C-alpha atoms as a PDB file:
ATOM      1  CA  MET A   1     -19.995  -5.870  32.545  1.00  0.00           C
ATOM      2  CA  GLY A   2     -19.664  -9.506  33.509  1.00  0.00           C
ATOM      3  CA  PHE A   3     -22.259  -9.107  36.190  1.00  0.00           C
ATOM      4  CA  PHE A   4     -24.683  -8.019  33.014  1.00  0.00           C
ATOM      5  CA  SER A   5     -23.488 -10.512  30.580  1.00  0.00           C
ATOM      6  CA  LYS A   6     -24.033 -13.305  33.294  1.00  0.00           C
ATOM      7  CA  LYS A   7     -27.855 -11.683  33.929  1.00  0.00           C
ATOM      8  CA  ILE A   8     -28.749 -11.749  29.980  1.00  0.00           C
ATOM      9  CA  ASP A   9     -27.275 -15.388  29.676  1.00  0.00           C
ATOM     10  CA  ASN A  10     -29.374 -16.413  32.871  1.00  0.00           C
ATOM     11  CA  LYS A  11     -32.290 -15.102  30.826  1.00  0.00           C
ATOM     12  CA  ILE A  12     -31.417 -16.986  27.449  1.00  0.00           C
ATOM     13  CA  ALA A  13     -31.161 -20.257  29.431  1.00  0.00           C
ATOM     14  CA  SER A  14     -34.513 -19.532  31.081  1.00  0.00           C
ATOM     15  CA  TYR A  15     -36.334 -18.469  28.098  1.00  0.00           C
ATOM     16  CA  GLN A  16     -34.592 -21.780  26.110  1.00  0.00           C
ATOM     17  CA  HIS A  17     -35.513 -23.729  28.912  1.00  0.00           C
ATOM     18  CA  GLU A  18     -39.604 -22.930  28.608  1.00  0.00           C
ATOM     19  CA  LEU A  19     -39.588 -22.737  25.144  1.00  0.00           C
ATOM     20  CA  ILE A  20     -38.439 -26.443  24.733  1.00  0.00           C
ATOM     21  CA  GLU A  21     -41.173 -27.385  27.358  1.00  0.00           C
ATOM     22  CA  THR A  22     -43.578 -25.932  25.408  1.00  0.00           C
ATOM     23  CA  HIS A  23     -42.410 -27.466  22.180  1.00  0.00           C
ATOM     24  CA  TYR A  24     -42.294 -31.116  23.842  1.00  0.00           C
ATOM     25  CA  ARG A  25     -45.910 -30.308  25.154  1.00  0.00           C
ATOM     26  CA  GLU A  26     -46.862 -29.281  21.423  1.00  0.00           C
ATOM     27  CA  VAL A  27     -45.537 -32.622  19.905  1.00  0.00           C
ATOM     28  CA  ASP A  28     -46.649 -34.907  23.220  1.00  0.00           C
ATOM     29  CA  ASN A  29     -50.406 -33.783  22.654  1.00  0.00           C
ATOM     30  CA  MET A  30     -50.070 -34.439  18.801  1.00  0.00           C
ATOM     31  CA  TYR A  31     -49.145 -37.807  19.383  1.00  0.00           C
ATOM     32  CA  ARG A  32     -51.625 -38.400  22.429  1.00  0.00           C
ATOM     33  CA  LYS A  33     -54.079 -37.338  19.707  1.00  0.00           C
ATOM     34  CA  MET A  34     -52.934 -39.844  16.979  1.00  0.00           C
ATOM     35  CA  ARG A  35     -52.929 -42.298  19.859  1.00  0.00           C
ATOM     36  CA  GLY A  36     -56.337 -42.096  20.570  1.00  0.00           C
ATOM     37  CA  TRP A  37     -57.376 -41.758  17.033  1.00  0.00           C
ATOM     38  CA  ARG A  38     -56.151 -45.314  16.361  1.00  0.00           C
ATOM     39  CA  HIS A  39     -57.606 -46.446  19.919  1.00  0.00           C
ATOM     40  CA  ASP A  40     -60.909 -45.490  18.796  1.00  0.00           C
ATOM     41  CA  TYR A  41     -60.304 -47.273  15.036  1.00  0.00           C
ATOM     42  CA  ARG A  42     -61.836 -50.361  15.733  1.00  0.00           C
ATOM     43  CA  ASN A  43     -64.813 -48.828  17.192  1.00  0.00           C
ATOM     44  CA  HIS A  44     -65.114 -46.536  13.910  1.00  0.00           C
ATOM     45  CA  ILE A  45     -65.224 -49.646  11.465  1.00  0.00           C
ATOM     46  CA  GLN A  46     -68.070 -51.284  14.060  1.00  0.00           C
ATOM     47  CA  ALA A  47     -70.211 -48.174  13.554  1.00  0.00           C
ATOM     48  CA  MET A  48     -69.791 -48.435   9.634  1.00  0.00           C
ATOM     49  CA  LYS A  49     -70.422 -52.115  10.272  1.00  0.00           C
ATOM     50  CA  ALA A  50     -73.938 -51.697  11.320  1.00  0.00           C
ATOM     51  CA  TYR A  51     -74.757 -48.700   9.256  1.00  0.00           C
ATOM     52  CA  ALA A  52     -73.700 -50.815   6.520  1.00  0.00           C
ATOM     53  CA  ALA A  53     -75.916 -54.329   7.622  1.00  0.00           C
ATOM     54  CA  SER A  54     -79.099 -51.908   7.664  1.00  0.00           C
ATOM     55  CA  GLU A  55     -78.038 -50.293   4.031  1.00  0.00           C
ATOM     56  CA  ASP A  56     -77.960 -46.726   5.281  1.00  0.00           C
ATOM     57  CA  TRP A  57     -75.182 -45.328   2.861  1.00  0.00           C
ATOM     58  CA  ASP A  58     -76.407 -41.886   3.531  1.00  0.00           C
ATOM     59  CA  ALA A  59     -75.011 -42.584   7.422  1.00  0.00           C
ATOM     60  CA  ILE A  60     -72.040 -43.915   6.373  1.00  0.00           C
ATOM     61  CA  LYS A  61     -71.037 -40.895   4.170  1.00  0.00           C
ATOM     62  CA  ARG A  62     -71.907 -38.677   6.774  1.00  0.00           C
ATOM     63  CA  TYR A  63     -69.849 -40.757   9.436  1.00  0.00           C
ATOM     64  CA  LEU A  64     -66.820 -40.716   6.804  1.00  0.00           C
ATOM     65  CA  ASP A  65     -67.032 -37.347   6.144  1.00  0.00           C
ATOM     66  CA  LEU A  66     -66.326 -36.919   9.779  1.00  0.00           C
ATOM     67  CA  LEU A  67     -63.404 -39.524   9.997  1.00  0.00           C
ATOM     68  CA  ASP A  68     -61.757 -37.348   7.078  1.00  0.00           C
ATOM     69  CA  ASP A  69     -62.459 -33.753   9.334  1.00  0.00           C
ATOM     70  CA  ASP A  70     -60.879 -35.221  12.369  1.00  0.00           C
ATOM     71  CA  LEU A  71     -57.870 -37.463  10.903  1.00  0.00           C
ATOM     72  CA  ALA A  72     -57.034 -34.483   9.059  1.00  0.00           C
ATOM     73  CA  SER A  73     -56.357 -32.757  12.889  1.00  0.00           C
ATOM     74  CA  VAL A  74     -53.872 -35.170  13.930  1.00  0.00           C
ATOM     75  CA  ASP A  75     -52.170 -36.617  10.233  1.00  0.00           C
ATOM     76  CA  THR A  76     -48.805 -36.150   9.874  1.00  0.00           C
ATOM     77  CA  VAL A  77     -48.458 -34.396   7.246  1.00  0.00           C
ATOM     78  CA  ILE A  78     -44.677 -33.949   6.776  1.00  0.00           C
ATOM     79  CA  LYS A  79     -42.179 -36.853   6.977  1.00  0.00           C
ATOM     80  CA  THR A  80     -38.806 -35.634   6.736  1.00  0.00           C
ATOM     81  CA  GLY A  81     -37.096 -39.053   7.098  1.00  0.00           C
ATOM     82  CA  ASN A  82     -35.710 -37.440  10.753  1.00  0.00           C
ATOM     83  CA  ALA A  83     -37.945 -38.156  13.871  1.00  0.00           C
ATOM     84  CA  MET A  84     -37.722 -35.043  16.177  1.00  0.00           C
ATOM     85  CA  THR A  85     -37.888 -32.781  12.818  1.00  0.00           C
ATOM     86  CA  ASP A  86     -40.970 -34.823  12.178  1.00  0.00           C
ATOM     87  CA  ALA A  87     -42.388 -33.929  15.481  1.00  0.00           C
ATOM     88  CA  ILE A  88     -41.636 -30.435  15.504  1.00  0.00           C
ATOM     89  CA  LEU A  89     -42.622 -29.605  12.172  1.00  0.00           C
ATOM     90  CA  ASN A  90     -46.277 -31.158  12.934  1.00  0.00           C
ATOM     91  CA  SER A  91     -46.629 -29.747  15.827  1.00  0.00           C
ATOM     92  CA  LYS A  92     -46.092 -26.220  14.795  1.00  0.00           C
ATOM     93  CA  ILE A  93     -48.345 -27.028  11.480  1.00  0.00           C
ATOM     94  CA  SER A  94     -51.122 -27.784  13.321  1.00  0.00           C
ATOM     95  CA  LEU A  95     -50.780 -25.046  15.687  1.00  0.00           C
ATOM     96  CA  ALA A  96     -50.710 -22.829  12.653  1.00  0.00           C
ATOM     97  CA  SER A  97     -53.719 -24.332  11.114  1.00  0.00           C
ATOM     98  CA  SER A  98     -55.590 -23.698  14.418  1.00  0.00           C
ATOM     99  CA  LYS A  99     -54.900 -20.098  13.728  1.00  0.00           C
ATOM    100  CA  ASN A 100     -55.942 -20.545  10.110  1.00  0.00           C
ATOM    101  CA  ILE A 101     -52.304 -20.177   8.645  1.00  0.00           C
ATOM    102  CA  LYS A 102     -51.944 -21.975   5.819  1.00  0.00           C
ATOM    103  CA  VAL A 103     -48.098 -23.655   5.613  1.00  0.00           C
ATOM    104  CA  ILE A 104     -46.528 -24.953   2.541  1.00  0.00           C
ATOM    105  CA  ALA A 105     -43.862 -27.328   3.552  1.00  0.00           C
ATOM    106  CA  ASP A 106     -41.092 -28.839   2.110  1.00  0.00           C
ATOM    107  CA  ALA A 107     -38.279 -30.747   3.993  1.00  0.00           C
ATOM    108  CA  CYS A 108     -36.169 -33.611   3.362  1.00  0.00           C
ATOM    109  CA  ILE A 109     -33.333 -35.260   5.872  1.00  0.00           C
ATOM    110  CA  PRO A 110     -32.544 -38.452   4.176  1.00  0.00           C
ATOM    111  CA  VAL A 111     -29.440 -38.641   7.101  1.00  0.00           C
ATOM    112  CA  LYS A 112     -28.795 -38.597  10.645  1.00  0.00           C
ATOM    113  CA  LEU A 113     -28.183 -35.122  11.760  1.00  0.00           C
ATOM    114  CA  GLN A 114     -24.786 -34.245  13.595  1.00  0.00           C
ATOM    115  CA  LEU A 115     -26.439 -30.964  15.537  1.00  0.00           C
ATOM    116  CA  SER A 116     -28.366 -32.344  19.176  1.00  0.00           C
ATOM    117  CA  GLU A 117     -32.229 -32.405  18.918  1.00  0.00           C
ATOM    118  CA  ILE A 118     -32.164 -29.555  21.694  1.00  0.00           C
ATOM    119  CA  ASP A 119     -30.285 -27.118  18.897  1.00  0.00           C
ATOM    120  CA  LEU A 120     -32.918 -28.530  16.055  1.00  0.00           C
ATOM    121  CA  CYS A 121     -35.548 -28.467  18.438  1.00  0.00           C
ATOM    122  CA  CYS A 122     -34.794 -24.633  19.512  1.00  0.00           C
ATOM    123  CA  ILE A 123     -34.393 -23.461  15.452  1.00  0.00           C
ATOM    124  CA  ILE A 124     -37.032 -24.778  14.060  1.00  0.00           C
ATOM    125  CA  GLY A 125     -39.472 -24.068  17.047  1.00  0.00           C
ATOM    126  CA  ASN A 126     -38.289 -20.098  16.981  1.00  0.00           C
ATOM    127  CA  LEU A 127     -38.586 -20.009  12.970  1.00  0.00           C
ATOM    128  CA  PHE A 128     -41.805 -21.506  13.407  1.00  0.00           C
ATOM    129  CA  ASP A 129     -43.044 -19.524  16.381  1.00  0.00           C
ATOM    130  CA  ASN A 130     -42.056 -16.109  14.717  1.00  0.00           C
ATOM    131  CA  ALA A 131     -44.053 -16.940  11.205  1.00  0.00           C
ATOM    132  CA  ILE A 132     -47.090 -17.740  13.477  1.00  0.00           C
ATOM    133  CA  GLU A 133     -46.709 -14.815  15.480  1.00  0.00           C
ATOM    134  CA  ALA A 134     -46.336 -12.447  12.051  1.00  0.00           C
ATOM    135  CA  SER A 135     -49.370 -14.669  10.289  1.00  0.00           C
ATOM    136  CA  VAL A 136     -52.018 -13.504  12.750  1.00  0.00           C
ATOM    137  CA  LYS A 137     -51.834 -10.199  12.004  1.00  0.00           C
ATOM    138  CA  LEU A 138     -52.684  -9.719   8.497  1.00  0.00           C
ATOM    139  CA  PRO A 139     -56.039 -11.209   6.908  1.00  0.00           C
ATOM    140  CA  GLU A 140     -56.473 -14.722   6.546  1.00  0.00           C
ATOM    141  CA  ASP A 141     -56.176 -15.069   2.590  1.00  0.00           C
ATOM    142  CA  ARG A 142     -52.608 -13.496   3.486  1.00  0.00           C
ATOM    143  CA  ARG A 143     -51.613 -16.404   5.813  1.00  0.00           C
ATOM    144  CA  VAL A 144     -49.270 -18.241   4.262  1.00  0.00           C
ATOM    145  CA  ILE A 145     -46.144 -20.044   5.984  1.00  0.00           C
ATOM    146  CA  ARG A 146     -43.667 -21.402   3.340  1.00  0.00           C
ATOM    147  CA  VAL A 147     -40.997 -24.086   4.872  1.00  0.00           C
ATOM    148  CA  TYR A 148     -38.059 -25.341   2.794  1.00  0.00           C
ATOM    149  CA  MET A 149     -35.831 -28.216   4.583  1.00  0.00           C
ATOM    150  CA  ASP A 150     -32.709 -30.094   3.107  1.00  0.00           C
ATOM    151  CA  LEU A 151     -29.762 -31.369   2.526  1.00  0.00           C
ATOM    152  CA  ARG A 152     -26.759 -29.076   0.072  1.00  0.00           C
ATOM    153  CA  ASN A 153     -23.891 -31.227  -0.174  1.00  0.00           C
ATOM    154  CA  THR A 154     -22.819 -31.277   3.546  1.00  0.00           C
ATOM    155  CA  GLN A 155     -24.635 -28.785   4.925  1.00  0.00           C
ATOM    156  CA  LEU A 156     -28.873 -28.391   6.207  1.00  0.00           C
ATOM    157  CA  TYR A 157     -30.344 -25.935   4.521  1.00  0.00           C
ATOM    158  CA  ILE A 158     -33.576 -24.137   6.353  1.00  0.00           C
ATOM    159  CA  SER A 159     -35.535 -21.802   4.708  1.00  0.00           C
ATOM    160  CA  PHE A 160     -38.523 -19.962   6.772  1.00  0.00           C
ATOM    161  CA  THR A 161     -40.806 -17.237   4.803  1.00  0.00           C
ATOM    162  CA  ASN A 162     -44.060 -15.268   5.370  1.00  0.00           C
ATOM    163  CA  PHE A 163     -45.701 -12.767   4.746  1.00  0.00           C
ATOM    164  CA  THR A 164     -45.832  -9.272   7.001  1.00  0.00           C
ATOM    165  CA  ALA A 165     -47.880  -6.533   7.045  1.00  0.00           C
ATOM    166  CA  GLY A 166     -46.538  -4.683   4.144  1.00  0.00           C
ATOM    167  CA  LYS A 167     -43.631  -2.228   5.881  1.00  0.00           C
ATOM    168  CA  LYS A 168     -40.138  -3.290   5.052  1.00  0.00           C
ATOM    169  CA  MET A 169     -39.071  -4.213   8.695  1.00  0.00           C
ATOM    170  CA  GLN A 170     -36.178  -2.368  10.287  1.00  0.00           C
ATOM    171  CA  LYS A 171     -32.946  -4.101  11.621  1.00  0.00           C
ATOM    172  CA  GLU A 172     -31.131  -3.060  14.899  1.00  0.00           C
ATOM    173  CA  GLY A 173     -27.950  -4.129  14.654  1.00  0.00           C
ATOM    174  CA  LYS A 174     -27.684  -7.398  13.385  1.00  0.00           C
ATOM    175  CA  LEU A 175     -31.409  -8.479  14.428  1.00  0.00           C
ATOM    176  CA  PHE A 176     -34.557  -6.870  13.287  1.00  0.00           C
ATOM    177  CA  ARG A 177     -36.712  -4.826  15.567  1.00  0.00           C
ATOM    178  CA  SER A 178     -39.216  -7.358  17.768  1.00  0.00           C
ATOM    179  CA  THR A 179     -42.893  -6.448  18.441  1.00  0.00           C
ATOM    180  CA  LYS A 180     -43.568  -9.770  20.458  1.00  0.00           C
ATOM    181  CA  GLY A 181     -41.309  -8.343  23.304  1.00  0.00           C
ATOM    182  CA  GLU A 182     -38.365  -9.487  25.401  1.00  0.00           C
ATOM    183  CA  GLY A 183     -38.993 -13.664  24.930  1.00  0.00           C
ATOM    184  CA  HIS A 184     -38.832 -13.141  21.154  1.00  0.00           C
ATOM    185  CA  GLY A 185     -35.985 -10.896  21.623  1.00  0.00           C
ATOM    186  CA  PHE A 186     -34.090 -13.750  23.276  1.00  0.00           C
ATOM    187  CA  GLY A 187     -35.619 -16.472  20.845  1.00  0.00           C
ATOM    188  CA  LEU A 188     -33.283 -14.354  18.073  1.00  0.00           C
ATOM    189  CA  ILE A 189     -30.388 -14.207  19.875  1.00  0.00           C
ATOM    190  CA  ARG A 190     -30.880 -17.840  20.880  1.00  0.00           C
ATOM    191  CA  ILE A 191     -30.977 -18.831  17.012  1.00  0.00           C
ATOM    192  CA  ASP A 192     -27.967 -17.097  16.521  1.00  0.00           C
ATOM    193  CA  SER A 193     -25.759 -18.062  19.230  1.00  0.00           C
ATOM    194  CA  ILE A 194     -26.714 -21.745  17.971  1.00  0.00           C
ATOM    195  CA  VAL A 195     -26.001 -20.903  14.166  1.00  0.00           C
ATOM    196  CA  GLU A 196     -22.727 -19.702  15.279  1.00  0.00           C
ATOM    197  CA  ARG A 197     -21.433 -22.279  17.764  1.00  0.00           C
ATOM    198  CA  LEU A 198     -22.019 -24.528  14.776  1.00  0.00           C
ATOM    199  CA  ASP A 199     -20.545 -22.922  12.492  1.00  0.00           C
ATOM    200  CA  GLY A 200     -23.016 -22.114  10.357  1.00  0.00           C
ATOM    201  CA  TYR A 201     -24.655 -18.794   8.369  1.00  0.00           C
ATOM    202  CA  ILE A 202     -27.766 -17.265   8.922  1.00  0.00           C
ATOM    203  CA  SER A 203     -29.594 -14.647   6.625  1.00  0.00           C
ATOM    204  CA  ARG A 204     -32.504 -12.497   7.450  1.00  0.00           C
ATOM    205  CA  ASN A 205     -34.220 -10.284   4.515  1.00  0.00           C
ATOM    206  CA  SER A 206     -36.946  -8.417   4.569  1.00  0.00           C
ATOM    207  CA  GLU A 207     -38.376  -7.211   1.685  1.00  0.00           C
ATOM    208  CA  ASP A 208     -41.775  -6.862  -0.679  1.00  0.00           C
ATOM    209  CA  GLY A 209     -43.970  -7.681   1.766  1.00  0.00           C
ATOM    210  CA  ALA A 210     -42.545 -11.017   3.211  1.00  0.00           C
ATOM    211  CA  PHE A 211     -39.665 -11.566   5.716  1.00  0.00           C
ATOM    212  CA  THR A 212     -37.143 -14.625   5.225  1.00  0.00           C
ATOM    213  CA  THR A 213     -34.781 -16.287   7.259  1.00  0.00           C
ATOM    214  CA  GLU A 214     -31.979 -18.831   6.049  1.00  0.00           C
ATOM    215  CA  ILE A 215     -29.956 -20.658   7.898  1.00  0.00           C
ATOM    216  CA  LEU A 216     -27.199 -23.550   6.548  1.00  0.00           C
ATOM    217  CA  LEU A 217     -25.422 -26.020   9.162  1.00  0.00           C
ATOM    218  CA  PRO A 218     -22.606 -27.910   8.666  1.00  0.00           C
ATOM    219  CA  GLN A 219     -23.170 -31.854   8.960  1.00  0.00           C
ATOM    220  CA  VAL A 220     -19.773 -33.261   8.637  1.00  0.00           C
END
């Protein structure tokens, strides 16, 4: 029993390491895009000045439209007040957008969190990845992920909701059945282990064509 338990722990640890590396690559890519856009800012201004000097207003309008589209791909959409939360949420929102998934996010964290950045990364990253995985299977008009984060008294409240294929998901023990495979299952186990270690609360609910995960984490 000890051998198999250790083997599972090693697989979970390996999955966690790969997950964190993936998240940090996504975050780094987002900030590289932002730095690149800022670097090109002066060139954009010079180009528009040239168009203005020749009074080519149509060219300026076309150029501004192109810049608007380009900026939309690198803009920091969510500003929660917590740098790590901003980084992981915005990188995942960018990923969802590339898959034509609409994200409705309302997140506010006005104080320094007690949980580690690694724990936060694992929780938010897994929740977002699971929601994206479910959403890409749906028609584009049903690809919606709702994210809500806020402090409730002395607890951090996290809620993720996404539409599903219509059928109520089946539970196996404490977890809902996964269609993604081994890695997905370890991700769910990892979330549960973090919540349990931090004396938090987690609830998963599959009703009316939507899947919701709610988490409460003490912050004192």
